[in-house]
Amino acid sequence: MLWIILQVALAAALLVGAFRLQVSLHRQRSREWSQILAGLSQSGGSLSQLSYGSIFSAGLDCPVAEVWDKIDGTRGLWAIFRNAGVLLEALNYMESDCETSPSFLQLIGHIRENGRRVRIAAAVGLLKSLLSTPRQRPVLTAGEIAAVYIALVAEMSLAISDNCPELLIEYRYSITQS
């Protein structure tokens, strides 16, 4: 009798989980481009200043310990984790909304794989930072994560610019002549 109750409970839990997943996917698919990009976090503005040149100027001369400060420590790692998820969602939007070609789909697959790597690396970096003492912060990992995140953002920007430039129209700056 107990075995039957456990099976019914497991089936009910799986049914509820499947329903929640379906609702979540429907909500995600119905979001507009601006709603997706609104999910990007800045970690106190420090991530908006990230670029390969700002962290690793003059060919990786930036001391690794400085990277931890430049990305704002664990807050920056958390923002990188969240932003990689937003970029993955943006890829899904681009795949469904933009004209696709085999090379574009291959590019999206490549960027999606890099986005997953960034999320995993950021999650591991967060876990390491939570388990380490304040003096032993995982600065090397933070530098690697920042470099991969910068590359992901650059790849995503180029993919949008080259394949879906209409997504950038509302974000362009108007240039006025004086």
C-alpha atoms as a PDB file:
ATOM      1  CA  MET A   1       0.000   0.000   0.000  1.00  0.00           C
ATOM      2  CA  LEU A   2       2.839   2.397   0.882  1.00  0.00           C
ATOM      3  CA  TRP A   3       4.465   1.669  -2.480  1.00  0.00           C
ATOM      4  CA  ILE A   4       1.308   2.733  -4.350  1.00  0.00           C
ATOM      5  CA  ILE A   5       1.066   5.964  -2.328  1.00  0.00           C
ATOM      6  CA  LEU A   6       4.706   6.771  -3.121  1.00  0.00           C
ATOM      7  CA  GLN A   7       4.112   6.134  -6.826  1.00  0.00           C
ATOM      8  CA  VAL A   8       1.045   8.384  -6.854  1.00  0.00           C
ATOM      9  CA  ALA A   9       2.938  11.103  -4.983  1.00  0.00           C
ATOM     10  CA  LEU A  10       5.864  10.853  -7.409  1.00  0.00           C
ATOM     11  CA  ALA A  11       3.519  10.974 -10.405  1.00  0.00           C
ATOM     12  CA  ALA A  12       1.762  14.036  -8.946  1.00  0.00           C
ATOM     13  CA  ALA A  13       5.096  15.764  -8.287  1.00  0.00           C
ATOM     14  CA  LEU A  14       6.248  15.059 -11.857  1.00  0.00           C
ATOM     15  CA  LEU A  15       2.948  16.355 -13.234  1.00  0.00           C
ATOM     16  CA  VAL A  16       3.192  19.584 -11.222  1.00  0.00           C
ATOM     17  CA  GLY A  17       6.847  19.994 -12.269  1.00  0.00           C
ATOM     18  CA  ALA A  18       5.982  19.468 -15.937  1.00  0.00           C
ATOM     19  CA  PHE A  19       3.150  22.006 -15.695  1.00  0.00           C
ATOM     20  CA  ARG A  20       5.411  24.601 -14.046  1.00  0.00           C
ATOM     21  CA  LEU A  21       8.075  24.022 -16.703  1.00  0.00           C
ATOM     22  CA  GLN A  22       5.504  24.485 -19.466  1.00  0.00           C
ATOM     23  CA  VAL A  23       4.242  27.742 -17.921  1.00  0.00           C
ATOM     24  CA  SER A  24       7.799  28.988 -17.472  1.00  0.00           C
ATOM     25  CA  LEU A  25       8.718  28.202 -21.090  1.00  0.00           C
ATOM     26  CA  HIS A  26       5.552  29.878 -22.361  1.00  0.00           C
ATOM     27  CA  ARG A  27       6.297  32.990 -20.285  1.00  0.00           C
ATOM     28  CA  GLN A  28       9.872  33.017 -21.535  1.00  0.00           C
ATOM     29  CA  ARG A  29       8.809  32.706 -25.190  1.00  0.00           C
ATOM     30  CA  SER A  30       6.287  35.510 -24.903  1.00  0.00           C
ATOM     31  CA  ARG A  31       8.774  38.079 -23.616  1.00  0.00           C
ATOM     32  CA  GLU A  32       9.843  40.929 -25.844  1.00  0.00           C
ATOM     33  CA  TRP A  33      13.463  41.855 -26.580  1.00  0.00           C
ATOM     34  CA  SER A  34      13.454  44.856 -24.243  1.00  0.00           C
ATOM     35  CA  GLN A  35      11.999  42.728 -21.416  1.00  0.00           C
ATOM     36  CA  ILE A  36      14.778  40.184 -21.864  1.00  0.00           C
ATOM     37  CA  LEU A  37      17.528  42.812 -21.836  1.00  0.00           C
ATOM     38  CA  ALA A  38      15.991  44.463 -18.775  1.00  0.00           C
ATOM     39  CA  GLY A  39      17.153  41.398 -16.844  1.00  0.00           C
ATOM     40  CA  LEU A  40      20.831  42.320 -17.246  1.00  0.00           C
ATOM     41  CA  SER A  41      22.381  43.324 -13.948  1.00  0.00           C
ATOM     42  CA  GLN A  42      25.334  45.649 -13.487  1.00  0.00           C
ATOM     43  CA  SER A  43      26.649  44.800 -10.017  1.00  0.00           C
ATOM     44  CA  GLY A  44      26.900  48.406  -8.945  1.00  0.00           C
ATOM     45  CA  GLY A  45      27.912  49.540 -12.426  1.00  0.00           C
ATOM     46  CA  SER A  46      31.191  47.645 -12.448  1.00  0.00           C
ATOM     47  CA  LEU A  47      30.177  45.137 -15.124  1.00  0.00           C
ATOM     48  CA  SER A  48      29.284  47.869 -17.588  1.00  0.00           C
ATOM     49  CA  GLN A  49      32.905  48.986 -17.396  1.00  0.00           C
ATOM     50  CA  LEU A  50      34.231  45.516 -18.138  1.00  0.00           C
ATOM     51  CA  SER A  51      36.050  45.183 -21.377  1.00  0.00           C
ATOM     52  CA  TYR A  52      39.071  43.237 -22.351  1.00  0.00           C
ATOM     53  CA  GLY A  53      41.080  46.431 -22.434  1.00  0.00           C
ATOM     54  CA  SER A  54      39.898  47.697 -19.053  1.00  0.00           C
ATOM     55  CA  ILE A  55      40.823  44.535 -17.197  1.00  0.00           C
ATOM     56  CA  PHE A  56      43.681  43.125 -19.208  1.00  0.00           C
ATOM     57  CA  SER A  57      45.229  46.231 -20.697  1.00  0.00           C
ATOM     58  CA  ALA A  58      48.592  45.866 -22.372  1.00  0.00           C
ATOM     59  CA  GLY A  59      48.282  42.112 -22.845  1.00  0.00           C
ATOM     60  CA  LEU A  60      47.270  40.525 -19.546  1.00  0.00           C
ATOM     61  CA  ASP A  61      49.357  42.825 -17.384  1.00  0.00           C
ATOM     62  CA  CYS A  62      46.569  43.364 -14.885  1.00  0.00           C
ATOM     63  CA  PRO A  63      47.424  41.592 -11.631  1.00  0.00           C
ATOM     64  CA  VAL A  64      44.951  38.786 -11.018  1.00  0.00           C
ATOM     65  CA  ALA A  65      44.150  40.164  -7.562  1.00  0.00           C
ATOM     66  CA  GLU A  66      42.849  43.378  -9.159  1.00  0.00           C
ATOM     67  CA  VAL A  67      40.304  41.457 -11.229  1.00  0.00           C
ATOM     68  CA  TRP A  68      38.438  40.456  -8.068  1.00  0.00           C
ATOM     69  CA  ASP A  69      38.100  44.126  -7.144  1.00  0.00           C
ATOM     70  CA  LYS A  70      37.220  45.232 -10.688  1.00  0.00           C
ATOM     71  CA  ILE A  71      34.291  42.800 -10.942  1.00  0.00           C
ATOM     72  CA  ASP A  72      33.114  43.652  -7.418  1.00  0.00           C
ATOM     73  CA  GLY A  73      33.870  40.235  -5.918  1.00  0.00           C
ATOM     74  CA  THR A  74      31.027  37.809  -5.340  1.00  0.00           C
ATOM     75  CA  ARG A  75      28.447  40.388  -6.472  1.00  0.00           C
ATOM     76  CA  GLY A  76      30.195  40.553  -9.826  1.00  0.00           C
ATOM     77  CA  LEU A  77      30.321  36.762 -10.130  1.00  0.00           C
ATOM     78  CA  TRP A  78      26.606  36.601  -9.336  1.00  0.00           C
ATOM     79  CA  ALA A  79      25.896  39.295 -11.953  1.00  0.00           C
ATOM     80  CA  ILE A  80      27.965  37.392 -14.520  1.00  0.00           C
ATOM     81  CA  PHE A  81      26.006  34.213 -13.731  1.00  0.00           C
ATOM     82  CA  ARG A  82      22.668  36.016 -14.132  1.00  0.00           C
ATOM     83  CA  ASN A  83      23.731  37.931 -17.231  1.00  0.00           C
ATOM     84  CA  ALA A  84      24.891  34.752 -18.957  1.00  0.00           C
ATOM     85  CA  GLY A  85      21.392  33.367 -18.375  1.00  0.00           C
ATOM     86  CA  VAL A  86      19.862  36.514 -19.854  1.00  0.00           C
ATOM     87  CA  LEU A  87      22.147  36.219 -22.877  1.00  0.00           C
ATOM     88  CA  LEU A  88      21.062  32.596 -23.330  1.00  0.00           C
ATOM     89  CA  GLU A  89      17.447  33.734 -23.252  1.00  0.00           C
ATOM     90  CA  ALA A  90      18.298  36.448 -25.789  1.00  0.00           C
ATOM     91  CA  LEU A  91      19.792  33.761 -28.038  1.00  0.00           C
ATOM     92  CA  ASN A  92      16.515  31.856 -27.884  1.00  0.00           C
ATOM     93  CA  TYR A  93      14.679  35.026 -28.876  1.00  0.00           C
ATOM     94  CA  MET A  94      17.067  35.686 -31.762  1.00  0.00           C
ATOM     95  CA  GLU A  95      16.716  32.111 -32.967  1.00  0.00           C
ATOM     96  CA  SER A  96      12.929  32.348 -33.079  1.00  0.00           C
ATOM     97  CA  ASP A  97      12.566  35.965 -34.257  1.00  0.00           C
ATOM     98  CA  CYS A  98      15.400  36.595 -36.717  1.00  0.00           C
ATOM     99  CA  GLU A  99      15.938  35.152 -40.154  1.00  0.00           C
ATOM    100  CA  THR A 100      18.075  32.079 -39.699  1.00  0.00           C
ATOM    101  CA  SER A 101      20.659  30.513 -41.926  1.00  0.00           C
ATOM    102  CA  PRO A 102      22.781  27.439 -41.266  1.00  0.00           C
ATOM    103  CA  SER A 103      25.797  29.595 -40.403  1.00  0.00           C
ATOM    104  CA  PHE A 104      23.692  31.738 -38.028  1.00  0.00           C
ATOM    105  CA  LEU A 105      22.332  28.633 -36.293  1.00  0.00           C
ATOM    106  CA  GLN A 106      25.878  27.309 -35.958  1.00  0.00           C
ATOM    107  CA  LEU A 107      26.983  30.636 -34.464  1.00  0.00           C
ATOM    108  CA  ILE A 108      24.081  30.598 -32.011  1.00  0.00           C
ATOM    109  CA  GLY A 109      25.013  27.049 -31.000  1.00  0.00           C
ATOM    110  CA  HIS A 110      28.598  28.133 -30.385  1.00  0.00           C
ATOM    111  CA  ILE A 111      27.554  31.185 -28.343  1.00  0.00           C
ATOM    112  CA  ARG A 112      25.024  29.088 -26.390  1.00  0.00           C
ATOM    113  CA  GLU A 113      27.768  26.612 -25.484  1.00  0.00           C
ATOM    114  CA  ASN A 114      30.022  29.456 -24.315  1.00  0.00           C
ATOM    115  CA  GLY A 115      27.146  30.941 -22.306  1.00  0.00           C
ATOM    116  CA  ARG A 116      26.618  27.653 -20.511  1.00  0.00           C
ATOM    117  CA  ARG A 117      30.335  27.466 -19.772  1.00  0.00           C
ATOM    118  CA  VAL A 118      30.268  30.970 -18.299  1.00  0.00           C
ATOM    119  CA  ARG A 119      27.301  30.088 -16.087  1.00  0.00           C
ATOM    120  CA  ILE A 120      28.985  26.920 -14.852  1.00  0.00           C
ATOM    121  CA  ALA A 121      32.292  28.711 -14.264  1.00  0.00           C
ATOM    122  CA  ALA A 122      30.545  31.552 -12.411  1.00  0.00           C
ATOM    123  CA  ALA A 123      28.595  29.079 -10.258  1.00  0.00           C
ATOM    124  CA  VAL A 124      31.800  27.236  -9.387  1.00  0.00           C
ATOM    125  CA  GLY A 125      33.548  30.562  -8.678  1.00  0.00           C
ATOM    126  CA  LEU A 126      30.682  31.609  -6.392  1.00  0.00           C
ATOM    127  CA  LEU A 127      30.838  28.304  -4.581  1.00  0.00           C
ATOM    128  CA  LYS A 128      34.600  28.624  -4.148  1.00  0.00           C
ATOM    129  CA  SER A 129      34.272  32.170  -2.855  1.00  0.00           C
ATOM    130  CA  LEU A 130      31.632  31.129  -0.343  1.00  0.00           C
ATOM    131  CA  LEU A 131      33.759  28.237   0.904  1.00  0.00           C
ATOM    132  CA  SER A 132      37.032  30.151   1.113  1.00  0.00           C
ATOM    133  CA  THR A 133      38.251  32.596   3.704  1.00  0.00           C
ATOM    134  CA  PRO A 134      38.310  36.317   2.877  1.00  0.00           C
ATOM    135  CA  ARG A 135      42.075  36.213   2.452  1.00  0.00           C
ATOM    136  CA  GLN A 136      41.912  33.283   0.027  1.00  0.00           C
ATOM    137  CA  ARG A 137      39.426  34.582  -2.539  1.00  0.00           C
ATOM    138  CA  PRO A 138      39.488  32.688  -5.850  1.00  0.00           C
ATOM    139  CA  VAL A 139      40.985  35.568  -7.792  1.00  0.00           C
ATOM    140  CA  LEU A 140      42.481  33.394 -10.523  1.00  0.00           C
ATOM    141  CA  THR A 141      39.095  31.895 -11.248  1.00  0.00           C
ATOM    142  CA  ALA A 142      37.530  35.361 -11.211  1.00  0.00           C
ATOM    143  CA  GLY A 143      39.999  36.553 -13.847  1.00  0.00           C
ATOM    144  CA  GLU A 144      39.283  33.575 -16.062  1.00  0.00           C
ATOM    145  CA  ILE A 145      35.531  34.000 -15.646  1.00  0.00           C
ATOM    146  CA  ALA A 146      35.767  37.721 -16.442  1.00  0.00           C
ATOM    147  CA  ALA A 147      37.779  37.015 -19.594  1.00  0.00           C
ATOM    148  CA  VAL A 148      35.326  34.380 -20.825  1.00  0.00           C
ATOM    149  CA  TYR A 149      32.357  36.633 -19.969  1.00  0.00           C
ATOM    150  CA  ILE A 150      33.881  39.519 -21.934  1.00  0.00           C
ATOM    151  CA  ALA A 151      34.359  37.199 -24.907  1.00  0.00           C
ATOM    152  CA  LEU A 152      30.742  35.996 -24.606  1.00  0.00           C
ATOM    153  CA  VAL A 153      29.374  39.549 -24.594  1.00  0.00           C
ATOM    154  CA  ALA A 154      31.547  40.444 -27.601  1.00  0.00           C
ATOM    155  CA  GLU A 155      30.393  37.364 -29.545  1.00  0.00           C
ATOM    156  CA  MET A 156      26.781  38.108 -28.699  1.00  0.00           C
ATOM    157  CA  SER A 157      27.137  41.747 -29.764  1.00  0.00           C
ATOM    158  CA  LEU A 158      28.663  40.775 -33.100  1.00  0.00           C
ATOM    159  CA  ALA A 159      25.983  38.134 -33.706  1.00  0.00           C
ATOM    160  CA  ILE A 160      23.228  40.674 -33.093  1.00  0.00           C
ATOM    161  CA  SER A 161      24.915  43.326 -35.224  1.00  0.00           C
ATOM    162  CA  ASP A 162      25.613  40.961 -38.115  1.00  0.00           C
ATOM    163  CA  ASN A 163      22.409  38.915 -38.128  1.00  0.00           C
ATOM    164  CA  CYS A 164      19.639  40.843 -36.342  1.00  0.00           C
ATOM    165  CA  PRO A 165      20.534  44.541 -36.532  1.00  0.00           C
ATOM    166  CA  GLU A 166      16.858  45.475 -36.226  1.00  0.00           C
ATOM    167  CA  LEU A 167      17.060  44.473 -32.553  1.00  0.00           C
ATOM    168  CA  LEU A 168      19.467  47.346 -31.958  1.00  0.00           C
ATOM    169  CA  ILE A 169      17.312  50.116 -33.477  1.00  0.00           C
ATOM    170  CA  GLU A 170      15.728  51.237 -30.206  1.00  0.00           C
ATOM    171  CA  TYR A 171      19.141  51.348 -28.494  1.00  0.00           C
ATOM    172  CA  ARG A 172      20.985  53.493 -31.006  1.00  0.00           C
ATOM    173  CA  TYR A 173      21.857  57.024 -30.135  1.00  0.00           C
ATOM    174  CA  SER A 174      20.566  59.788 -32.317  1.00  0.00           C
ATOM    175  CA  ILE A 175      23.330  61.921 -33.701  1.00  0.00           C
ATOM    176  CA  THR A 176      22.498  65.544 -34.108  1.00  0.00           C
ATOM    177  CA  GLN A 177      24.451  68.112 -35.981  1.00  0.00           C
ATOM    178  CA  SER A 178      25.076  71.398 -34.194  1.00  0.00           C
END
